[in-house]
Amino acid sequence: MTEPASLSWTPPDGSRRPFEITAVVGYGDDAWKRAAEDVLRWKVKTRSGFRVDSTGPVVAGERVTVTVTALGVTVVEPVEVVAVVQNDARVGFAYRTLPGHPVSGEEAFIVHRVGREVRLTLRSLTRAAPQQPWRGLFPLLLLAQRIVRRRYLRALR
């Protein structure tokens, strides 16, 4: 749904909140190589305060548990990688949330080149998870999501 291989994205109509933002993370071939390698090793997540139970590169179909501790509470986020893109100008992946995740949706992390600029694009589609307590906490989770997205944009610099 977040189409990490696509240069442009038109979010599907529906009940999920679409989001897309892009930031420059570096310039030139060295920055490209570093960011492309890091995004495929979950560095956007781990440098943003999350733990990921995978030590290798992302693989389509892989189920991973992401955890984060905030205010003394550990939150477990089960996800499944649904798409991986890796070519000379675009590298990244998307995952969907699995039951037990605080929200329902999909998120993508895409590193791409525009001239000498190396950019990171985040895309997501989010809605409240069906289970409590997460469903009732959805407004607070949206606030937390904004904070985390800023961390993501800085993670590969």
C-alpha atoms as a PDB file:
ATOM      1  CA  MET A   1       0.000   0.000   0.000  1.00  0.00           C
ATOM      2  CA  THR A   2       2.917   2.422   0.635  1.00  0.00           C
ATOM      3  CA  GLU A   3       4.662   1.366  -2.595  1.00  0.00           C
ATOM      4  CA  PRO A   4       8.349   1.890  -1.725  1.00  0.00           C
ATOM      5  CA  ALA A   5       9.414   1.150  -5.309  1.00  0.00           C
ATOM      6  CA  SER A   6       7.240   3.949  -6.727  1.00  0.00           C
ATOM      7  CA  LEU A   7       8.701   7.399  -7.343  1.00  0.00           C
ATOM      8  CA  SER A   8       5.375   9.032  -6.600  1.00  0.00           C
ATOM      9  CA  TRP A   9       2.655   7.811  -4.312  1.00  0.00           C
ATOM     10  CA  THR A  10      -1.068   8.279  -4.344  1.00  0.00           C
ATOM     11  CA  PRO A  11      -2.428   6.907  -1.076  1.00  0.00           C
ATOM     12  CA  PRO A  12      -5.408   4.626  -1.493  1.00  0.00           C
ATOM     13  CA  ASP A  13      -8.749   6.030  -0.448  1.00  0.00           C
ATOM     14  CA  GLY A  14     -10.003   4.487   2.725  1.00  0.00           C
ATOM     15  CA  SER A  15     -10.031   4.541   6.459  1.00  0.00           C
ATOM     16  CA  ARG A  16      -6.275   4.910   7.023  1.00  0.00           C
ATOM     17  CA  ARG A  17      -4.500   8.233   7.590  1.00  0.00           C
ATOM     18  CA  PRO A  18      -1.929   8.769   4.803  1.00  0.00           C
ATOM     19  CA  PHE A  19       1.389  10.464   5.529  1.00  0.00           C
ATOM     20  CA  GLU A  20       4.476  11.202   3.435  1.00  0.00           C
ATOM     21  CA  ILE A  21       7.523  13.353   4.144  1.00  0.00           C
ATOM     22  CA  THR A  22      11.022  13.606   2.655  1.00  0.00           C
ATOM     23  CA  ALA A  23      14.263  14.984   4.102  1.00  0.00           C
ATOM     24  CA  VAL A  24      17.818  15.274   2.792  1.00  0.00           C
ATOM     25  CA  VAL A  25      20.163  12.958   4.710  1.00  0.00           C
ATOM     26  CA  GLY A  26      23.388  13.631   2.805  1.00  0.00           C
ATOM     27  CA  TYR A  27      25.164  14.342  -0.452  1.00  0.00           C
ATOM     28  CA  GLY A  28      27.214  12.251  -2.838  1.00  0.00           C
ATOM     29  CA  ASP A  29      28.176   8.633  -3.300  1.00  0.00           C
ATOM     30  CA  ASP A  30      29.488   8.023   0.230  1.00  0.00           C
ATOM     31  CA  ALA A  31      26.267   9.302   1.793  1.00  0.00           C
ATOM     32  CA  TRP A  32      24.253   7.187  -0.660  1.00  0.00           C
ATOM     33  CA  LYS A  33      26.169   4.024   0.142  1.00  0.00           C
ATOM     34  CA  ARG A  34      25.892   4.560   3.903  1.00  0.00           C
ATOM     35  CA  ALA A  35      22.182   5.470   3.914  1.00  0.00           C
ATOM     36  CA  ALA A  36      21.228   2.685   1.493  1.00  0.00           C
ATOM     37  CA  GLU A  37      23.029   0.096   3.601  1.00  0.00           C
ATOM     38  CA  ASP A  38      21.676   1.460   6.890  1.00  0.00           C
ATOM     39  CA  VAL A  39      18.022   1.594   5.823  1.00  0.00           C
ATOM     40  CA  LEU A  40      18.107  -2.096   4.893  1.00  0.00           C
ATOM     41  CA  ARG A  41      19.514  -2.975   8.330  1.00  0.00           C
ATOM     42  CA  TRP A  42      16.702  -1.332  10.316  1.00  0.00           C
ATOM     43  CA  LYS A  43      18.913   1.624  11.341  1.00  0.00           C
ATOM     44  CA  VAL A  44      16.033   4.103  10.893  1.00  0.00           C
ATOM     45  CA  LYS A  45      14.245   2.251  13.695  1.00  0.00           C
ATOM     46  CA  THR A  46      17.196   1.410  15.967  1.00  0.00           C
ATOM     47  CA  ARG A  47      18.683   4.913  15.843  1.00  0.00           C
ATOM     48  CA  SER A  48      15.251   6.255  16.780  1.00  0.00           C
ATOM     49  CA  GLY A  49      15.123   4.346  20.056  1.00  0.00           C
ATOM     50  CA  PHE A  50      13.573   1.037  18.970  1.00  0.00           C
ATOM     51  CA  ARG A  51      14.971  -2.476  19.294  1.00  0.00           C
ATOM     52  CA  VAL A  52      14.542  -4.906  16.404  1.00  0.00           C
ATOM     53  CA  ASP A  53      14.929  -8.675  16.833  1.00  0.00           C
ATOM     54  CA  SER A  54      16.544  -9.055  13.395  1.00  0.00           C
ATOM     55  CA  THR A  55      20.300  -8.800  12.900  1.00  0.00           C
ATOM     56  CA  GLY A  56      20.329  -9.173   9.131  1.00  0.00           C
ATOM     57  CA  PRO A  57      19.047  -7.067   6.271  1.00  0.00           C
ATOM     58  CA  VAL A  58      15.304  -6.766   5.706  1.00  0.00           C
ATOM     59  CA  VAL A  59      13.729  -9.573   3.707  1.00  0.00           C
ATOM     60  CA  ALA A  60      10.257  -9.593   2.196  1.00  0.00           C
ATOM     61  CA  GLY A  61       8.004 -11.910   4.182  1.00  0.00           C
ATOM     62  CA  GLU A  62      10.131 -11.678   7.327  1.00  0.00           C
ATOM     63  CA  ARG A  63       8.221 -11.224  10.589  1.00  0.00           C
ATOM     64  CA  VAL A  64      10.046  -9.073  13.099  1.00  0.00           C
ATOM     65  CA  THR A  65       9.311  -7.856  16.594  1.00  0.00           C
ATOM     66  CA  VAL A  66      10.099  -4.203  17.229  1.00  0.00           C
ATOM     67  CA  THR A  67      10.077  -2.961  20.826  1.00  0.00           C
ATOM     68  CA  VAL A  68      10.333   0.441  22.424  1.00  0.00           C
ATOM     69  CA  THR A  69      10.368   1.510  26.054  1.00  0.00           C
ATOM     70  CA  ALA A  70       8.851   4.860  26.951  1.00  0.00           C
ATOM     71  CA  LEU A  71       8.018   6.171  30.408  1.00  0.00           C
ATOM     72  CA  GLY A  72       8.917   2.782  31.877  1.00  0.00           C
ATOM     73  CA  VAL A  73       6.482   0.895  29.638  1.00  0.00           C
ATOM     74  CA  THR A  74       7.738  -1.522  26.983  1.00  0.00           C
ATOM     75  CA  VAL A  75       5.615  -1.679  23.854  1.00  0.00           C
ATOM     76  CA  VAL A  76       5.865  -4.687  21.535  1.00  0.00           C
ATOM     77  CA  GLU A  77       5.219  -4.060  17.841  1.00  0.00           C
ATOM     78  CA  PRO A  78       4.960  -7.168  15.645  1.00  0.00           C
ATOM     79  CA  VAL A  79       5.425  -6.419  11.935  1.00  0.00           C
ATOM     80  CA  GLU A  80       5.910  -8.186   8.606  1.00  0.00           C
ATOM     81  CA  VAL A  81       8.088  -6.860   5.788  1.00  0.00           C
ATOM     82  CA  VAL A  82       5.850  -6.672   2.713  1.00  0.00           C
ATOM     83  CA  ALA A  83       8.140  -5.064   0.121  1.00  0.00           C
ATOM     84  CA  VAL A  84      11.837  -4.443  -0.446  1.00  0.00           C
ATOM     85  CA  VAL A  85      13.297  -2.273  -3.201  1.00  0.00           C
ATOM     86  CA  GLN A  86      16.994  -2.180  -4.035  1.00  0.00           C
ATOM     87  CA  ASN A  87      18.361  -0.576  -7.190  1.00  0.00           C
ATOM     88  CA  ASP A  88      20.923   2.080  -8.192  1.00  0.00           C
ATOM     89  CA  ALA A  89      18.674   5.013  -7.297  1.00  0.00           C
ATOM     90  CA  ARG A  90      16.209   3.678  -4.706  1.00  0.00           C
ATOM     91  CA  VAL A  91      16.556   1.432  -1.644  1.00  0.00           C
ATOM     92  CA  GLY A  92      14.050   0.721   1.068  1.00  0.00           C
ATOM     93  CA  PHE A  93      11.252  -1.381   2.434  1.00  0.00           C
ATOM     94  CA  ALA A  94       7.729  -1.392   3.801  1.00  0.00           C
ATOM     95  CA  TYR A  95       6.214  -3.328   6.639  1.00  0.00           C
ATOM     96  CA  ARG A  96       2.666  -3.936   7.767  1.00  0.00           C
ATOM     97  CA  THR A  97       1.588  -4.168  11.357  1.00  0.00           C
ATOM     98  CA  LEU A  98       0.444  -7.487  12.757  1.00  0.00           C
ATOM     99  CA  PRO A  99      -2.127  -8.214  15.496  1.00  0.00           C
ATOM    100  CA  GLY A 100      -0.873  -6.862  18.812  1.00  0.00           C
ATOM    101  CA  HIS A 101       0.710  -3.758  17.283  1.00  0.00           C
ATOM    102  CA  PRO A 102      -0.527  -0.481  18.842  1.00  0.00           C
ATOM    103  CA  VAL A 103      -1.795   0.766  15.453  1.00  0.00           C
ATOM    104  CA  SER A 104      -2.988  -0.858  12.248  1.00  0.00           C
ATOM    105  CA  GLY A 105      -1.319   0.023   8.975  1.00  0.00           C
ATOM    106  CA  GLU A 106       1.815   0.086   6.893  1.00  0.00           C
ATOM    107  CA  GLU A 107       5.026   2.107   6.970  1.00  0.00           C
ATOM    108  CA  ALA A 108       7.807   2.539   4.407  1.00  0.00           C
ATOM    109  CA  PHE A 109      11.368   3.877   4.625  1.00  0.00           C
ATOM    110  CA  ILE A 110      12.864   4.798   1.241  1.00  0.00           C
ATOM    111  CA  VAL A 111      16.341   6.169   0.496  1.00  0.00           C
ATOM    112  CA  HIS A 112      16.650   7.697  -2.963  1.00  0.00           C
ATOM    113  CA  ARG A 113      18.813  10.050  -5.006  1.00  0.00           C
ATOM    114  CA  VAL A 114      17.920  13.361  -6.583  1.00  0.00           C
ATOM    115  CA  GLY A 115      21.070  14.579  -8.276  1.00  0.00           C
ATOM    116  CA  ARG A 116      23.767  14.574  -5.573  1.00  0.00           C
ATOM    117  CA  GLU A 117      21.183  14.734  -2.790  1.00  0.00           C
ATOM    118  CA  VAL A 118      20.433  11.594  -0.815  1.00  0.00           C
ATOM    119  CA  ARG A 119      16.918  11.690   0.604  1.00  0.00           C
ATOM    120  CA  LEU A 120      14.867   9.644   3.022  1.00  0.00           C
ATOM    121  CA  THR A 121      11.140   9.419   2.399  1.00  0.00           C
ATOM    122  CA  LEU A 122       8.721   8.120   5.001  1.00  0.00           C
ATOM    123  CA  ARG A 123       5.292   6.903   3.956  1.00  0.00           C
ATOM    124  CA  SER A 124       2.585   5.501   6.163  1.00  0.00           C
ATOM    125  CA  LEU A 125      -1.048   4.544   6.340  1.00  0.00           C
ATOM    126  CA  THR A 126      -2.383   4.387   9.898  1.00  0.00           C
ATOM    127  CA  ARG A 127      -5.622   3.707  11.718  1.00  0.00           C
ATOM    128  CA  ALA A 128      -6.544   2.654  15.234  1.00  0.00           C
ATOM    129  CA  ALA A 129      -5.769  -0.925  16.178  1.00  0.00           C
ATOM    130  CA  PRO A 130      -8.860  -3.044  16.780  1.00  0.00           C
ATOM    131  CA  GLN A 131      -7.860  -4.141  20.300  1.00  0.00           C
ATOM    132  CA  GLN A 132      -7.873  -2.315  23.607  1.00  0.00           C
ATOM    133  CA  PRO A 133      -6.102  -0.588  25.223  1.00  0.00           C
ATOM    134  CA  TRP A 134      -4.516   0.644  21.981  1.00  0.00           C
ATOM    135  CA  ARG A 135      -7.780   1.597  20.319  1.00  0.00           C
ATOM    136  CA  GLY A 136      -8.637   3.991  23.145  1.00  0.00           C
ATOM    137  CA  LEU A 137      -5.109   5.379  23.195  1.00  0.00           C
ATOM    138  CA  PHE A 138      -5.056   6.138  19.454  1.00  0.00           C
ATOM    139  CA  PRO A 139      -5.040   9.962  19.857  1.00  0.00           C
ATOM    140  CA  LEU A 140      -1.952   9.700  22.101  1.00  0.00           C
ATOM    141  CA  LEU A 141      -0.333   7.270  19.671  1.00  0.00           C
ATOM    142  CA  LEU A 142      -0.769   9.810  16.862  1.00  0.00           C
ATOM    143  CA  LEU A 143       1.156  12.335  18.967  1.00  0.00           C
ATOM    144  CA  ALA A 144       3.890   9.788  19.659  1.00  0.00           C
ATOM    145  CA  GLN A 145       3.996   9.011  15.932  1.00  0.00           C
ATOM    146  CA  ARG A 146       4.819  12.659  15.146  1.00  0.00           C
ATOM    147  CA  ILE A 147       7.743  12.604  17.580  1.00  0.00           C
ATOM    148  CA  VAL A 148       9.053   9.316  16.216  1.00  0.00           C
ATOM    149  CA  ARG A 149       8.847  10.550  12.624  1.00  0.00           C
ATOM    150  CA  ARG A 150      11.178  13.430  13.450  1.00  0.00           C
ATOM    151  CA  ARG A 151      13.622  10.911  14.895  1.00  0.00           C
ATOM    152  CA  TYR A 152      13.345   8.789  11.754  1.00  0.00           C
ATOM    153  CA  LEU A 153      14.235  11.780   9.536  1.00  0.00           C
ATOM    154  CA  ARG A 154      17.423  12.371  11.578  1.00  0.00           C
ATOM    155  CA  ALA A 155      18.409   8.696  11.894  1.00  0.00           C
ATOM    156  CA  LEU A 156      20.392   8.403   8.648  1.00  0.00           C
ATOM    157  CA  ARG A 157      22.207  11.749   8.707  1.00  0.00           C
END
